[in-house]
N, C-alpha and C. Protein backbone atom coordinates (compact mmCIF):
# COMPACT_ATOMS: atom_id res chain seq x y z
N UNK A 1 -19.47 23.82 4.53
CA UNK A 1 -18.50 24.86 4.27
C UNK A 1 -17.11 24.38 4.64
N UNK A 2 -16.14 24.85 3.91
CA UNK A 2 -14.76 24.49 4.18
C UNK A 2 -14.18 25.44 5.21
N UNK A 3 -13.35 24.88 6.05
CA UNK A 3 -12.68 25.73 7.03
C UNK A 3 -11.45 26.36 6.38
N UNK A 4 -10.91 27.35 7.04
CA UNK A 4 -9.72 28.03 6.52
C UNK A 4 -8.54 27.06 6.46
N UNK A 5 -8.44 26.18 7.45
CA UNK A 5 -7.35 25.20 7.46
C UNK A 5 -7.44 24.27 6.25
N UNK A 6 -8.67 23.86 5.88
CA UNK A 6 -8.85 22.99 4.71
C UNK A 6 -8.42 23.70 3.43
N UNK A 7 -8.81 24.95 3.31
CA UNK A 7 -8.46 25.73 2.12
C UNK A 7 -6.95 25.94 2.06
N UNK A 8 -6.34 26.25 3.17
CA UNK A 8 -4.89 26.45 3.22
C UNK A 8 -4.16 25.17 2.87
N UNK A 9 -4.61 24.05 3.43
CA UNK A 9 -3.99 22.77 3.15
C UNK A 9 -4.12 22.41 1.68
N UNK A 10 -5.31 22.63 1.12
CA UNK A 10 -5.54 22.31 -0.29
C UNK A 10 -4.65 23.15 -1.18
N UNK A 11 -4.54 24.44 -0.90
CA UNK A 11 -3.70 25.30 -1.73
C UNK A 11 -2.23 24.93 -1.59
N UNK A 12 -1.83 24.52 -0.39
CA UNK A 12 -0.44 24.09 -0.18
C UNK A 12 -0.15 22.82 -0.97
N UNK A 13 -1.08 21.86 -0.92
CA UNK A 13 -0.90 20.61 -1.67
C UNK A 13 -0.88 20.87 -3.17
N UNK A 14 -1.73 21.78 -3.63
CA UNK A 14 -1.76 22.10 -5.05
C UNK A 14 -0.46 22.75 -5.48
N UNK A 15 0.11 23.59 -4.64
CA UNK A 15 1.37 24.22 -5.01
C UNK A 15 2.51 23.21 -5.05
N UNK A 16 2.43 22.19 -4.20
CA UNK A 16 3.46 21.16 -4.20
C UNK A 16 3.33 20.21 -5.38
N UNK A 17 2.12 19.89 -5.78
CA UNK A 17 1.88 18.86 -6.78
C UNK A 17 1.21 19.40 -8.04
N UNK A 18 1.33 20.65 -8.31
CA UNK A 18 0.64 21.21 -9.45
C UNK A 18 -0.83 21.40 -9.12
N UNK A 19 -1.68 21.26 -10.09
CA UNK A 19 -3.11 21.45 -9.86
C UNK A 19 -3.82 20.20 -9.41
N UNK A 20 -3.17 19.07 -9.45
CA UNK A 20 -3.85 17.85 -9.03
C UNK A 20 -3.22 17.32 -7.75
N UNK A 21 -4.04 16.85 -6.87
CA UNK A 21 -3.59 16.23 -5.63
C UNK A 21 -3.37 14.75 -5.95
N UNK A 22 -2.24 14.16 -5.51
CA UNK A 22 -1.96 12.77 -5.87
C UNK A 22 -3.02 11.82 -5.31
N UNK A 23 -3.25 10.75 -6.03
CA UNK A 23 -4.23 9.75 -5.61
C UNK A 23 -3.73 9.02 -4.38
N UNK A 24 -4.67 8.47 -3.63
CA UNK A 24 -4.31 7.75 -2.40
C UNK A 24 -3.42 6.57 -2.70
N UNK A 25 -3.60 5.94 -3.84
CA UNK A 25 -2.78 4.79 -4.20
C UNK A 25 -1.33 5.21 -4.38
N UNK A 26 -1.10 6.36 -5.01
CA UNK A 26 0.27 6.85 -5.18
C UNK A 26 0.91 7.16 -3.84
N UNK A 27 0.14 7.73 -2.93
CA UNK A 27 0.66 8.04 -1.61
C UNK A 27 1.01 6.76 -0.88
N UNK A 28 0.14 5.76 -1.00
CA UNK A 28 0.40 4.48 -0.36
C UNK A 28 1.65 3.81 -0.89
N UNK A 29 1.85 3.88 -2.20
CA UNK A 29 3.04 3.25 -2.77
C UNK A 29 4.30 4.02 -2.39
N UNK A 30 4.19 5.34 -2.29
CA UNK A 30 5.35 6.12 -1.86
C UNK A 30 5.70 5.80 -0.41
N UNK A 31 4.67 5.64 0.42
CA UNK A 31 4.91 5.28 1.81
C UNK A 31 5.56 3.90 1.89
N UNK A 32 5.05 2.96 1.10
CA UNK A 32 5.62 1.61 1.10
C UNK A 32 7.07 1.63 0.64
N UNK A 33 7.36 2.44 -0.39
CA UNK A 33 8.74 2.55 -0.86
C UNK A 33 9.64 3.17 0.20
N UNK A 34 9.15 4.20 0.88
CA UNK A 34 9.94 4.84 1.93
C UNK A 34 10.20 3.87 3.08
N UNK A 35 9.18 3.10 3.42
CA UNK A 35 9.32 2.11 4.49
C UNK A 35 10.32 1.03 4.09
N UNK A 36 10.22 0.59 2.86
CA UNK A 36 11.14 -0.44 2.35
C UNK A 36 12.58 0.07 2.36
N UNK A 37 12.78 1.32 1.92
CA UNK A 37 14.11 1.91 1.93
C UNK A 37 14.66 2.03 3.35
N UNK A 38 13.80 2.43 4.27
CA UNK A 38 14.23 2.56 5.67
C UNK A 38 14.63 1.22 6.26
N UNK A 39 13.87 0.18 5.95
CA UNK A 39 14.21 -1.15 6.45
C UNK A 39 15.54 -1.60 5.86
N UNK A 40 15.76 -1.29 4.59
CA UNK A 40 17.04 -1.61 3.96
C UNK A 40 18.21 -0.89 4.62
N UNK A 41 18.00 0.38 4.97
CA UNK A 41 19.05 1.14 5.63
C UNK A 41 19.35 0.58 7.02
N UNK A 42 18.31 0.19 7.74
CA UNK A 42 18.52 -0.41 9.07
C UNK A 42 19.28 -1.72 8.92
N UNK A 43 18.92 -2.50 7.92
CA UNK A 43 19.61 -3.76 7.68
C UNK A 43 21.09 -3.53 7.37
N UNK A 44 21.37 -2.53 6.54
CA UNK A 44 22.77 -2.22 6.21
C UNK A 44 23.54 -1.77 7.45
N UNK A 45 22.89 -1.00 8.31
CA UNK A 45 23.54 -0.56 9.55
C UNK A 45 23.84 -1.76 10.44
N UNK A 46 22.91 -2.72 10.51
CA UNK A 46 23.13 -3.92 11.31
C UNK A 46 24.29 -4.74 10.74
N UNK A 47 24.33 -4.89 9.42
CA UNK A 47 25.41 -5.65 8.79
C UNK A 47 26.76 -4.97 9.01
N UNK A 48 26.79 -3.64 8.92
CA UNK A 48 28.03 -2.90 9.17
C UNK A 48 28.49 -3.05 10.61
N UNK A 49 27.56 -3.03 11.54
CA UNK A 49 27.90 -3.22 12.95
C UNK A 49 28.42 -4.63 13.19
N UNK A 50 27.81 -5.61 12.54
CA UNK A 50 28.29 -6.99 12.68
C UNK A 50 29.71 -7.13 12.15
N UNK A 51 29.98 -6.53 10.99
CA UNK A 51 31.34 -6.58 10.42
C UNK A 51 32.34 -5.92 11.35
N UNK A 52 31.97 -4.78 11.91
CA UNK A 52 32.87 -4.07 12.82
C UNK A 52 33.15 -4.91 14.06
N UNK A 53 32.13 -5.56 14.61
CA UNK A 53 32.33 -6.41 15.79
C UNK A 53 33.21 -7.61 15.46
N UNK A 54 33.01 -8.20 14.28
CA UNK A 54 33.84 -9.33 13.87
C UNK A 54 35.29 -8.91 13.69
N UNK A 55 35.51 -7.73 13.13
CA UNK A 55 36.88 -7.24 12.94
C UNK A 55 37.57 -6.99 14.27
N UNK A 56 36.84 -6.46 15.23
CA UNK A 56 37.42 -6.24 16.57
C UNK A 56 37.75 -7.58 17.21
N UNK A 57 36.82 -8.53 17.11
CA UNK A 57 37.04 -9.85 17.73
C UNK A 57 38.20 -10.58 17.08
N UNK A 58 38.37 -10.42 15.77
CA UNK A 58 39.45 -11.10 15.05
C UNK A 58 40.77 -10.36 15.16
N UNK A 59 40.75 -9.16 15.70
CA UNK A 59 41.97 -8.37 15.84
C UNK A 59 42.42 -7.73 14.54
N UNK A 60 41.52 -7.62 13.57
CA UNK A 60 41.86 -7.04 12.27
C UNK A 60 41.92 -5.52 12.32
N UNK A 61 41.27 -4.93 13.29
CA UNK A 61 41.30 -3.47 13.43
C UNK A 61 41.44 -3.13 14.91
N UNK A 62 42.01 -2.00 15.15
CA UNK A 62 42.19 -1.59 16.54
C UNK A 62 41.35 -0.36 16.88
N UNK A 63 40.49 0.03 15.96
CA UNK A 63 39.67 1.21 16.16
C UNK A 63 38.37 0.82 16.86
N UNK A 64 38.46 0.61 18.15
CA UNK A 64 37.31 0.21 18.95
C UNK A 64 36.25 1.31 18.99
N UNK A 65 36.70 2.55 19.01
CA UNK A 65 35.78 3.68 19.08
C UNK A 65 34.82 3.69 17.89
N UNK A 66 35.35 3.53 16.69
CA UNK A 66 34.53 3.54 15.49
C UNK A 66 33.57 2.34 15.46
N UNK A 67 34.04 1.20 15.92
CA UNK A 67 33.19 0.01 15.97
C UNK A 67 32.03 0.22 16.94
N UNK A 68 32.30 0.82 18.07
CA UNK A 68 31.23 1.07 19.05
C UNK A 68 30.21 2.07 18.51
N UNK A 69 30.69 3.05 17.77
CA UNK A 69 29.78 4.02 17.16
C UNK A 69 28.86 3.31 16.18
N UNK A 70 29.41 2.42 15.35
CA UNK A 70 28.59 1.67 14.40
C UNK A 70 27.57 0.79 15.12
N UNK A 71 28.00 0.16 16.20
CA UNK A 71 27.08 -0.68 16.97
C UNK A 71 25.94 0.14 17.57
N UNK A 72 26.26 1.29 18.11
CA UNK A 72 25.22 2.15 18.71
C UNK A 72 24.28 2.71 17.65
N UNK A 73 24.83 3.11 16.49
CA UNK A 73 23.98 3.60 15.42
C UNK A 73 23.01 2.52 14.96
N UNK A 74 23.51 1.30 14.84
CA UNK A 74 22.65 0.19 14.43
C UNK A 74 21.58 -0.07 15.49
N UNK A 75 21.95 0.00 16.75
CA UNK A 75 21.00 -0.23 17.84
C UNK A 75 19.90 0.84 17.84
N UNK A 76 20.30 2.09 17.70
CA UNK A 76 19.33 3.19 17.71
C UNK A 76 18.40 3.10 16.50
N UNK A 77 18.96 2.78 15.33
CA UNK A 77 18.11 2.68 14.14
C UNK A 77 17.14 1.52 14.25
N UNK A 78 17.56 0.41 14.85
CA UNK A 78 16.65 -0.72 15.05
C UNK A 78 15.55 -0.37 16.04
N UNK A 79 15.91 0.32 17.11
CA UNK A 79 14.89 0.75 18.09
C UNK A 79 13.87 1.68 17.46
N UNK A 80 14.35 2.60 16.62
CA UNK A 80 13.45 3.52 15.93
C UNK A 80 12.51 2.75 15.01
N UNK A 81 13.05 1.79 14.27
CA UNK A 81 12.22 1.01 13.37
C UNK A 81 11.15 0.23 14.14
N UNK A 82 11.51 -0.31 15.29
CA UNK A 82 10.54 -1.05 16.11
C UNK A 82 9.45 -0.10 16.60
N UNK A 83 9.81 1.11 16.99
CA UNK A 83 8.81 2.07 17.45
C UNK A 83 7.87 2.49 16.32
N UNK A 84 8.42 2.68 15.13
CA UNK A 84 7.58 3.01 13.98
C UNK A 84 6.62 1.87 13.69
N UNK A 85 7.12 0.64 13.76
CA UNK A 85 6.25 -0.52 13.57
C UNK A 85 5.15 -0.56 14.62
N UNK A 86 5.51 -0.31 15.88
CA UNK A 86 4.52 -0.32 16.95
C UNK A 86 3.44 0.73 16.72
N UNK A 87 3.84 1.92 16.29
CA UNK A 87 2.86 2.98 16.02
C UNK A 87 1.97 2.62 14.85
N UNK A 88 2.53 1.99 13.83
CA UNK A 88 1.72 1.57 12.68
C UNK A 88 0.72 0.50 13.09
N UNK A 89 1.13 -0.43 13.92
CA UNK A 89 0.22 -1.47 14.40
C UNK A 89 -0.87 -0.86 15.27
N UNK A 90 -0.51 0.09 16.13
CA UNK A 90 -1.51 0.77 16.96
C UNK A 90 -2.52 1.51 16.09
N UNK A 91 -2.04 2.18 15.05
CA UNK A 91 -2.94 2.91 14.16
C UNK A 91 -3.87 1.94 13.44
N UNK A 92 -3.34 0.83 12.99
CA UNK A 92 -4.16 -0.19 12.32
C UNK A 92 -5.23 -0.72 13.27
N UNK A 93 -4.82 -1.02 14.50
CA UNK A 93 -5.78 -1.54 15.48
C UNK A 93 -6.86 -0.51 15.80
N UNK A 94 -6.48 0.75 15.86
CA UNK A 94 -7.45 1.81 16.11
C UNK A 94 -8.45 1.90 14.97
N UNK A 95 -7.97 1.79 13.75
CA UNK A 95 -8.87 1.82 12.59
C UNK A 95 -9.81 0.63 12.62
N UNK A 96 -9.29 -0.53 12.99
CA UNK A 96 -10.12 -1.74 13.02
C UNK A 96 -11.19 -1.66 14.12
N UNK A 97 -10.94 -0.88 15.17
CA UNK A 97 -11.93 -0.72 16.24
C UNK A 97 -13.04 0.26 15.89
N UNK A 98 -12.82 1.05 14.84
CA UNK A 98 -13.84 2.03 14.44
C UNK A 98 -15.09 1.32 13.95
N UNK A 99 -16.22 1.89 14.31
CA UNK A 99 -17.48 1.34 13.84
C UNK A 99 -17.92 2.08 12.59
N UNK A 100 -18.42 1.34 11.66
CA UNK A 100 -18.83 1.93 10.38
C UNK A 100 -20.28 2.34 10.44
């Protein structure tokens, strides 16, 4: 028998995606695309922070406050990406420890 939570979840998914629930492969590719986009955004933040630091060092700009904000944003986004990676690795390891 299905539980109420299963029925509610199924009806919610059907309302989001029409009458068909997306295949696991589509979900996997969407996750991969989202992950790829996030890594690209982190990379762009790192490059922007590097440019800001170079401009401060070269004396091309005097806006130290804005450069520090870019550096901190890049640092926080990198830390978040590392934590997401760590959680993904932990989940993979947990799955690999499961007995079939």
